[in-house]
Amino acid sequence: MKRVKSACLFQTLIFSQKPEAELSKDAALKANRAELAHYKQSLELAKTQYQITDERENADGTITIRVRKQYNNRTDASEYFA
């Protein structure tokens, strides 16, 4: 029998707006910052362990983050966040 002792996801996420929105760079960046803040808040509310290892605002108004996060709440992922 096997079982998961610990698990962690490594993700690269890009926050961007649809091209059809035709937003200025500043408006797109503002919308992307709001979406990123909502994403972080949802992780907190779900009590998901996470660590953002890189966060960049790109020239085109998009935001790219690299995040290490707990796979699920049933496994202990503390060794990944030391």
PDB file of N, CA and C in Angstrom:
ATOM      1  N   MET A   1       0.846  -1.176   0.000  1.00  0.00           N
ATOM      2  CA  MET A   1       0.000   0.000   0.000  1.00  0.00           C
ATOM      3  C   MET A   1       0.888   1.235   0.000  1.00  0.00           C
ATOM      4  N   LYS A   2       0.520   2.217  -0.752  1.00  0.00           N
ATOM      5  CA  LYS A   2       1.255   3.477  -0.749  1.00  0.00           C
ATOM      6  C   LYS A   2       0.322   4.596  -0.320  1.00  0.00           C
ATOM      7  N   ARG A   3       0.926   5.625   0.226  1.00  0.00           N
ATOM      8  CA  ARG A   3       0.169   6.825   0.588  1.00  0.00           C
ATOM      9  C   ARG A   3       1.082   8.019   0.455  1.00  0.00           C
ATOM     10  N   VAL A   4       0.516   9.165   0.285  1.00  0.00           N
ATOM     11  CA  VAL A   4       1.283  10.393   0.127  1.00  0.00           C
ATOM     12  C   VAL A   4       1.656  10.907   1.506  1.00  0.00           C
ATOM     13  N   LYS A   5       2.940  11.023   1.751  1.00  0.00           N
ATOM     14  CA  LYS A   5       3.412  11.559   3.027  1.00  0.00           C
ATOM     15  C   LYS A   5       3.405  13.083   2.984  1.00  0.00           C
ATOM     16  N   SER A   6       3.904  13.641   1.895  1.00  0.00           N
ATOM     17  CA  SER A   6       3.890  15.082   1.715  1.00  0.00           C
ATOM     18  C   SER A   6       3.870  15.379   0.225  1.00  0.00           C
ATOM     19  N   ALA A   7       3.354  16.537  -0.117  1.00  0.00           N
ATOM     20  CA  ALA A   7       3.269  16.912  -1.521  1.00  0.00           C
ATOM     21  C   ALA A   7       3.248  18.426  -1.653  1.00  0.00           C
ATOM     22  N   CYS A   8       3.829  18.889  -2.746  1.00  0.00           N
ATOM     23  CA  CYS A   8       3.915  20.315  -2.990  1.00  0.00           C
ATOM     24  C   CYS A   8       3.864  20.546  -4.501  1.00  0.00           C
ATOM     25  N   LEU A   9       3.242  21.632  -4.916  1.00  0.00           N
ATOM     26  CA  LEU A   9       3.184  22.010  -6.321  1.00  0.00           C
ATOM     27  C   LEU A   9       4.084  23.210  -6.556  1.00  0.00           C
ATOM     28  N   PHE A  10       4.757  23.214  -7.684  1.00  0.00           N
ATOM     29  CA  PHE A  10       5.514  24.370  -8.134  1.00  0.00           C
ATOM     30  C   PHE A  10       4.807  24.880  -9.382  1.00  0.00           C
ATOM     31  N   GLN A  11       4.384  26.122  -9.357  1.00  0.00           N
ATOM     32  CA  GLN A  11       3.640  26.665 -10.487  1.00  0.00           C
ATOM     33  C   GLN A  11       4.199  28.010 -10.909  1.00  0.00           C
ATOM     34  N   THR A  12       4.092  28.287 -12.191  1.00  0.00           N
ATOM     35  CA  THR A  12       4.345  29.613 -12.726  1.00  0.00           C
ATOM     36  C   THR A  12       3.013  30.113 -13.257  1.00  0.00           C
ATOM     37  N   LEU A  13       2.529  31.202 -12.697  1.00  0.00           N
ATOM     38  CA  LEU A  13       1.228  31.757 -13.074  1.00  0.00           C
ATOM     39  C   LEU A  13       1.414  33.121 -13.719  1.00  0.00           C
ATOM     40  N   ILE A  14       0.631  33.388 -14.755  1.00  0.00           N
ATOM     41  CA  ILE A  14       0.659  34.687 -15.415  1.00  0.00           C
ATOM     42  C   ILE A  14      -0.726  35.304 -15.268  1.00  0.00           C
ATOM     43  N   PHE A  15      -0.772  36.485 -14.698  1.00  0.00           N
ATOM     44  CA  PHE A  15      -2.017  37.227 -14.546  1.00  0.00           C
ATOM     45  C   PHE A  15      -2.078  38.248 -15.674  1.00  0.00           C
ATOM     46  N   SER A  16      -3.072  38.097 -16.547  1.00  0.00           N
ATOM     47  CA  SER A  16      -3.204  38.994 -17.693  1.00  0.00           C
ATOM     48  C   SER A  16      -4.678  39.169 -18.025  1.00  0.00           C
ATOM     49  N   GLN A  17      -4.968  40.169 -18.808  1.00  0.00           N
ATOM     50  CA  GLN A  17      -6.337  40.445 -19.237  1.00  0.00           C
ATOM     51  C   GLN A  17      -6.515  39.982 -20.681  1.00  0.00           C
ATOM     52  N   LYS A  18      -7.748  39.728 -21.051  1.00  0.00           N
ATOM     53  CA  LYS A  18      -8.042  39.308 -22.421  1.00  0.00           C
ATOM     54  C   LYS A  18      -7.710  40.445 -23.383  1.00  0.00           C
ATOM     55  N   PRO A  19      -7.155  40.114 -24.541  1.00  0.00           N
ATOM     56  CA  PRO A  19      -6.819  41.163 -25.521  1.00  0.00           C
ATOM     57  C   PRO A  19      -8.040  41.977 -25.952  1.00  0.00           C
ATOM     58  N   GLU A  20      -9.219  41.360 -25.921  1.00  0.00           N
ATOM     59  CA  GLU A  20     -10.432  42.061 -26.332  1.00  0.00           C
ATOM     60  C   GLU A  20     -10.785  43.207 -25.380  1.00  0.00           C
ATOM     61  N   ALA A  21     -10.239  43.170 -24.164  1.00  0.00           N
ATOM     62  CA  ALA A  21     -10.557  44.209 -23.173  1.00  0.00           C
ATOM     63  C   ALA A  21     -10.005  45.567 -23.591  1.00  0.00           C
ATOM     64  N   GLU A  22      -8.951  45.569 -24.401  1.00  0.00           N
ATOM     65  CA  GLU A  22      -8.341  46.802 -24.908  1.00  0.00           C
ATOM     66  C   GLU A  22      -8.070  47.808 -23.786  1.00  0.00           C
ATOM     67  N   LEU A  23      -7.414  47.348 -22.748  1.00  0.00           N
ATOM     68  CA  LEU A  23      -7.055  48.206 -21.623  1.00  0.00           C
ATOM     69  C   LEU A  23      -5.683  48.822 -21.852  1.00  0.00           C
ATOM     70  N   SER A  24      -5.475  50.001 -21.270  1.00  0.00           N
ATOM     71  CA  SER A  24      -4.138  50.582 -21.297  1.00  0.00           C
ATOM     72  C   SER A  24      -3.237  49.742 -20.402  1.00  0.00           C
ATOM     73  N   LYS A  25      -1.936  49.926 -20.542  1.00  0.00           N
ATOM     74  CA  LYS A  25      -0.986  49.156 -19.733  1.00  0.00           C
ATOM     75  C   LYS A  25      -1.242  49.379 -18.251  1.00  0.00           C
ATOM     76  N   ASP A  26      -1.480  50.639 -17.859  1.00  0.00           N
ATOM     77  CA  ASP A  26      -1.711  50.947 -16.441  1.00  0.00           C
ATOM     78  C   ASP A  26      -3.005  50.324 -15.927  1.00  0.00           C
ATOM     79  N   ALA A  27      -4.051  50.363 -16.742  1.00  0.00           N
ATOM     80  CA  ALA A  27      -5.328  49.768 -16.335  1.00  0.00           C
ATOM     81  C   ALA A  27      -5.201  48.248 -16.239  1.00  0.00           C
ATOM     82  N   ALA A  28      -4.484  47.647 -17.185  1.00  0.00           N
ATOM     83  CA  ALA A  28      -4.280  46.192 -17.157  1.00  0.00           C
ATOM     84  C   ALA A  28      -3.470  45.797 -15.930  1.00  0.00           C
ATOM     85  N   LEU A  29      -2.430  46.573 -15.631  1.00  0.00           N
ATOM     86  CA  LEU A  29      -1.601  46.281 -14.471  1.00  0.00           C
ATOM     87  C   LEU A  29      -2.404  46.390 -13.178  1.00  0.00           C
ATOM     88  N   LYS A  30      -3.259  47.396 -13.096  1.00  0.00           N
ATOM     89  CA  LYS A  30      -4.112  47.561 -11.915  1.00  0.00           C
ATOM     90  C   LYS A  30      -5.059  46.364 -11.763  1.00  0.00           C
ATOM     91  N   ALA A  31      -5.669  45.941 -12.865  1.00  0.00           N
ATOM     92  CA  ALA A  31      -6.576  44.788 -12.837  1.00  0.00           C
ATOM     93  C   ALA A  31      -5.827  43.516 -12.464  1.00  0.00           C
ATOM     94  N   ASN A  32      -4.619  43.359 -12.982  1.00  0.00           N
ATOM     95  CA  ASN A  32      -3.820  42.173 -12.677  1.00  0.00           C
ATOM     96  C   ASN A  32      -3.368  42.161 -11.221  1.00  0.00           C
ATOM     97  N   ARG A  33      -3.035  43.329 -10.681  1.00  0.00           N
ATOM     98  CA  ARG A  33      -2.680  43.405  -9.256  1.00  0.00           C
ATOM     99  C   ARG A  33      -3.865  43.004  -8.382  1.00  0.00           C
ATOM    100  N   ALA A  34      -5.058  43.452  -8.764  1.00  0.00           N
ATOM    101  CA  ALA A  34      -6.265  43.101  -8.008  1.00  0.00           C
ATOM    102  C   ALA A  34      -6.515  41.597  -8.089  1.00  0.00           C
ATOM    103  N   GLU A  35      -6.330  41.013  -9.270  1.00  0.00           N
ATOM    104  CA  GLU A  35      -6.531  39.577  -9.429  1.00  0.00           C
ATOM    105  C   GLU A  35      -5.505  38.787  -8.614  1.00  0.00           C
ATOM    106  N   LEU A  36      -4.262  39.255  -8.582  1.00  0.00           N
ATOM    107  CA  LEU A  36      -3.221  38.607  -7.786  1.00  0.00           C
ATOM    108  C   LEU A  36      -3.547  38.700  -6.299  1.00  0.00           C
ATOM    109  N   ALA A  37      -4.004  39.852  -5.845  1.00  0.00           N
ATOM    110  CA  ALA A  37      -4.378  40.010  -4.439  1.00  0.00           C
ATOM    111  C   ALA A  37      -5.524  39.059  -4.081  1.00  0.00           C
ATOM    112  N   HIS A  38      -6.482  38.918  -4.975  1.00  0.00           N
ATOM    113  CA  HIS A  38      -7.591  37.990  -4.743  1.00  0.00           C
ATOM    114  C   HIS A  38      -7.078  36.549  -4.680  1.00  0.00           C
ATOM    115  N   TYR A  39      -6.137  36.194  -5.539  1.00  0.00           N
ATOM    116  CA  TYR A  39      -5.550  34.849  -5.540  1.00  0.00           C
ATOM    117  C   TYR A  39      -4.853  34.560  -4.198  1.00  0.00           C
ATOM    118  N   LYS A  40      -4.060  35.514  -3.740  1.00  0.00           N
ATOM    119  CA  LYS A  40      -3.364  35.351  -2.457  1.00  0.00           C
ATOM    120  C   LYS A  40      -4.374  35.219  -1.314  1.00  0.00           C
ATOM    121  N   GLN A  41      -5.420  36.025  -1.353  1.00  0.00           N
ATOM    122  CA  GLN A  41      -6.452  35.975  -0.308  1.00  0.00           C
ATOM    123  C   GLN A  41      -7.155  34.620  -0.315  1.00  0.00           C
ATOM    124  N   SER A  42      -7.408  34.070  -1.502  1.00  0.00           N
ATOM    125  CA  SER A  42      -8.071  32.763  -1.576  1.00  0.00           C
ATOM    126  C   SER A  42      -7.183  31.661  -1.010  1.00  0.00           C
ATOM    127  N   LEU A  43      -5.873  31.761  -1.206  1.00  0.00           N
ATOM    128  CA  LEU A  43      -4.953  30.793  -0.604  1.00  0.00           C
ATOM    129  C   LEU A  43      -4.978  30.902   0.917  1.00  0.00           C
ATOM    130  N   GLU A  44      -5.006  32.128   1.417  1.00  0.00           N
ATOM    131  CA  GLU A  44      -5.056  32.347   2.861  1.00  0.00           C
ATOM    132  C   GLU A  44      -6.356  31.793   3.455  1.00  0.00           C
ATOM    133  N   LEU A  45      -7.474  32.082   2.806  1.00  0.00           N
ATOM    134  CA  LEU A  45      -8.766  31.618   3.309  1.00  0.00           C
ATOM    135  C   LEU A  45      -8.860  30.092   3.313  1.00  0.00           C
ATOM    136  N   ALA A  46      -8.217  29.460   2.341  1.00  0.00           N
ATOM    137  CA  ALA A  46      -8.225  27.997   2.274  1.00  0.00           C
ATOM    138  C   ALA A  46      -7.175  27.381   3.196  1.00  0.00           C
ATOM    139  N   LYS A  47      -6.415  28.241   3.876  1.00  0.00           N
ATOM    140  CA  LYS A  47      -5.344  27.811   4.776  1.00  0.00           C
ATOM    141  C   LYS A  47      -4.328  26.923   4.057  1.00  0.00           C
ATOM    142  N   THR A  48      -4.023  27.308   2.821  1.00  0.00           N
ATOM    143  CA  THR A  48      -3.034  26.606   2.010  1.00  0.00           C
ATOM    144  C   THR A  48      -1.663  27.198   2.292  1.00  0.00           C
ATOM    145  N   GLN A  49      -0.708  26.346   2.624  1.00  0.00           N
ATOM    146  CA  GLN A  49       0.656  26.833   2.790  1.00  0.00           C
ATOM    147  C   GLN A  49       1.180  27.188   1.414  1.00  0.00           C
ATOM    148  N   TYR A  50       1.798  28.366   1.288  1.00  0.00           N
ATOM    149  CA  TYR A  50       2.368  28.750   0.003  1.00  0.00           C
ATOM    150  C   TYR A  50       3.534  29.695   0.213  1.00  0.00           C
ATOM    151  N   GLN A  51       4.350  29.782  -0.818  1.00  0.00           N
ATOM    152  CA  GLN A  51       5.489  30.694  -0.801  1.00  0.00           C
ATOM    153  C   GLN A  51       5.692  31.194  -2.220  1.00  0.00           C
ATOM    154  N   ILE A  52       5.628  32.502  -2.404  1.00  0.00           N
ATOM    155  CA  ILE A  52       5.888  33.077  -3.719  1.00  0.00           C
ATOM    156  C   ILE A  52       7.392  33.310  -3.803  1.00  0.00           C
ATOM    157  N   THR A  53       8.025  32.604  -4.732  1.00  0.00           N
ATOM    158  CA  THR A  53       9.478  32.673  -4.847  1.00  0.00           C
ATOM    159  C   THR A  53       9.930  33.750  -5.822  1.00  0.00           C
ATOM    160  N   ASP A  54       9.032  34.188  -6.704  1.00  0.00           N
ATOM    161  CA  ASP A  54       9.376  35.244  -7.660  1.00  0.00           C
ATOM    162  C   ASP A  54       8.087  35.931  -8.089  1.00  0.00           C
ATOM    163  N   GLU A  55       8.115  37.248  -8.158  1.00  0.00           N
ATOM    164  CA  GLU A  55       6.960  38.028  -8.605  1.00  0.00           C
ATOM    165  C   GLU A  55       7.476  39.161  -9.468  1.00  0.00           C
ATOM    166  N   ARG A  56       6.996  39.213 -10.719  1.00  0.00           N
ATOM    167  CA  ARG A  56       7.489  40.228 -11.659  1.00  0.00           C
ATOM    168  C   ARG A  56       6.341  40.908 -12.377  1.00  0.00           C
ATOM    169  N   GLU A  57       6.446  42.224 -12.487  1.00  0.00           N
ATOM    170  CA  GLU A  57       5.519  42.983 -13.321  1.00  0.00           C
ATOM    171  C   GLU A  57       6.212  43.181 -14.660  1.00  0.00           C
ATOM    172  N   ASN A  58       5.608  42.668 -15.714  1.00  0.00           N
ATOM    173  CA  ASN A  58       6.214  42.702 -17.033  1.00  0.00           C
ATOM    174  C   ASN A  58       5.862  43.990 -17.767  1.00  0.00           C
ATOM    175  N   ALA A  59       6.631  44.287 -18.808  1.00  0.00           N
ATOM    176  CA  ALA A  59       6.463  45.527 -19.568  1.00  0.00           C
ATOM    177  C   ALA A  59       5.092  45.644 -20.223  1.00  0.00           C
ATOM    178  N   ASP A  60       4.455  44.514 -20.511  1.00  0.00           N
ATOM    179  CA  ASP A  60       3.148  44.547 -21.179  1.00  0.00           C
ATOM    180  C   ASP A  60       1.975  44.650 -20.205  1.00  0.00           C
ATOM    181  N   GLY A  61       2.247  44.789 -18.912  1.00  0.00           N
ATOM    182  CA  GLY A  61       1.184  44.935 -17.914  1.00  0.00           C
ATOM    183  C   GLY A  61       0.763  43.634 -17.263  1.00  0.00           C
ATOM    184  N   THR A  62       1.366  42.519 -17.665  1.00  0.00           N
ATOM    185  CA  THR A  62       1.058  41.233 -17.030  1.00  0.00           C
ATOM    186  C   THR A  62       1.920  41.063 -15.783  1.00  0.00           C
ATOM    187  N   ILE A  63       1.522  40.157 -14.920  1.00  0.00           N
ATOM    188  CA  ILE A  63       2.284  39.836 -13.719  1.00  0.00           C
ATOM    189  C   ILE A  63       2.565  38.338 -13.743  1.00  0.00           C
ATOM    190  N   THR A  64       3.814  37.969 -13.541  1.00  0.00           N
ATOM    191  CA  THR A  64       4.210  36.569 -13.498  1.00  0.00           C
ATOM    192  C   THR A  64       4.695  36.252 -12.094  1.00  0.00           C
ATOM    193  N   ILE A  65       4.182  35.160 -11.533  1.00  0.00           N
ATOM    194  CA  ILE A  65       4.662  34.716 -10.222  1.00  0.00           C
ATOM    195  C   ILE A  65       5.068  33.253 -10.313  1.00  0.00           C
ATOM    196  N   ARG A  66       6.001  32.892  -9.471  1.00  0.00           N
ATOM    197  CA  ARG A  66       6.372  31.499  -9.261  1.00  0.00           C
ATOM    198  C   ARG A  66       5.979  31.195  -7.830  1.00  0.00           C
ATOM    199  N   VAL A  67       5.175  30.177  -7.663  1.00  0.00           N
ATOM    200  CA  VAL A  67       4.634  29.873  -6.342  1.00  0.00           C
ATOM    201  C   VAL A  67       4.851  28.401  -6.020  1.00  0.00           C
ATOM    202  N   ARG A  68       5.200  28.171  -4.800  1.00  0.00           N
ATOM    203  CA  ARG A  68       5.298  26.817  -4.239  1.00  0.00           C
ATOM    204  C   ARG A  68       4.149  26.716  -3.263  1.00  0.00           C
ATOM    205  N   LYS A  69       3.265  25.730  -3.480  1.00  0.00           N
ATOM    206  CA  LYS A  69       2.117  25.648  -2.594  1.00  0.00           C
ATOM    207  C   LYS A  69       1.786  24.217  -2.231  1.00  0.00           C
ATOM    208  N   GLN A  70       1.137  24.106  -1.111  1.00  0.00           N
ATOM    209  CA  GLN A  70       0.718  22.822  -0.566  1.00  0.00           C
ATOM    210  C   GLN A  70      -0.249  22.162  -1.536  1.00  0.00           C
ATOM    211  N   TYR A  71      -0.071  20.876  -1.770  1.00  0.00           N
ATOM    212  CA  TYR A  71      -0.910  20.133  -2.712  1.00  0.00           C
ATOM    213  C   TYR A  71      -2.347  20.013  -2.216  1.00  0.00           C
ATOM    214  N   ASN A  72      -2.510  19.625  -0.975  1.00  0.00           N
ATOM    215  CA  ASN A  72      -3.836  19.569  -0.362  1.00  0.00           C
ATOM    216  C   ASN A  72      -3.670  19.717   1.146  1.00  0.00           C
ATOM    217  N   ASN A  73      -4.752  19.881   1.834  1.00  0.00           N
ATOM    218  CA  ASN A  73      -4.685  20.126   3.278  1.00  0.00           C
ATOM    219  C   ASN A  73      -4.530  18.853   4.099  1.00  0.00           C
ATOM    220  N   ARG A  74      -4.542  17.702   3.459  1.00  0.00           N
ATOM    221  CA  ARG A  74      -4.426  16.446   4.197  1.00  0.00           C
ATOM    222  C   ARG A  74      -2.984  16.011   4.394  1.00  0.00           C
ATOM    223  N   THR A  75      -2.061  16.617   3.661  1.00  0.00           N
ATOM    224  CA  THR A  75      -0.656  16.228   3.790  1.00  0.00           C
ATOM    225  C   THR A  75       0.145  17.378   4.382  1.00  0.00           C
ATOM    226  N   ASP A  76       1.186  17.038   5.092  1.00  0.00           N
ATOM    227  CA  ASP A  76       2.060  18.035   5.693  1.00  0.00           C
ATOM    228  C   ASP A  76       3.115  18.443   4.654  1.00  0.00           C
ATOM    229  N   ALA A  77       3.165  19.721   4.339  1.00  0.00           N
ATOM    230  CA  ALA A  77       4.118  20.212   3.350  1.00  0.00           C
ATOM    231  C   ALA A  77       5.168  21.123   3.958  1.00  0.00           C
ATOM    232  N   SER A  78       5.301  21.105   5.270  1.00  0.00           N
ATOM    233  CA  SER A  78       6.202  22.038   5.948  1.00  0.00           C
ATOM    234  C   SER A  78       7.660  21.871   5.527  1.00  0.00           C
ATOM    235  N   GLU A  79       8.066  20.691   5.121  1.00  0.00           N
ATOM    236  CA  GLU A  79       9.460  20.499   4.700  1.00  0.00           C
ATOM    237  C   GLU A  79       9.785  21.272   3.433  1.00  0.00           C
ATOM    238  N   TYR A  80       8.782  21.632   2.651  1.00  0.00           N
ATOM    239  CA  TYR A  80       9.010  22.390   1.416  1.00  0.00           C
ATOM    240  C   TYR A  80       9.136  23.893   1.661  1.00  0.00           C
ATOM    241  N   PHE A  81       8.772  24.341   2.838  1.00  0.00           N
ATOM    242  CA  PHE A  81       8.750  25.755   3.127  1.00  0.00           C
ATOM    243  C   PHE A  81       9.773  26.193   4.167  1.00  0.00           C
ATOM    244  N   ALA A  82      10.755  25.378   4.415  1.00  0.00           N
ATOM    245  CA  ALA A  82      11.777  25.679   5.423  1.00  0.00           C
ATOM    246  C   ALA A  82      12.731  26.741   4.947  1.00  0.00           C
TER     247      ALA A  82
END
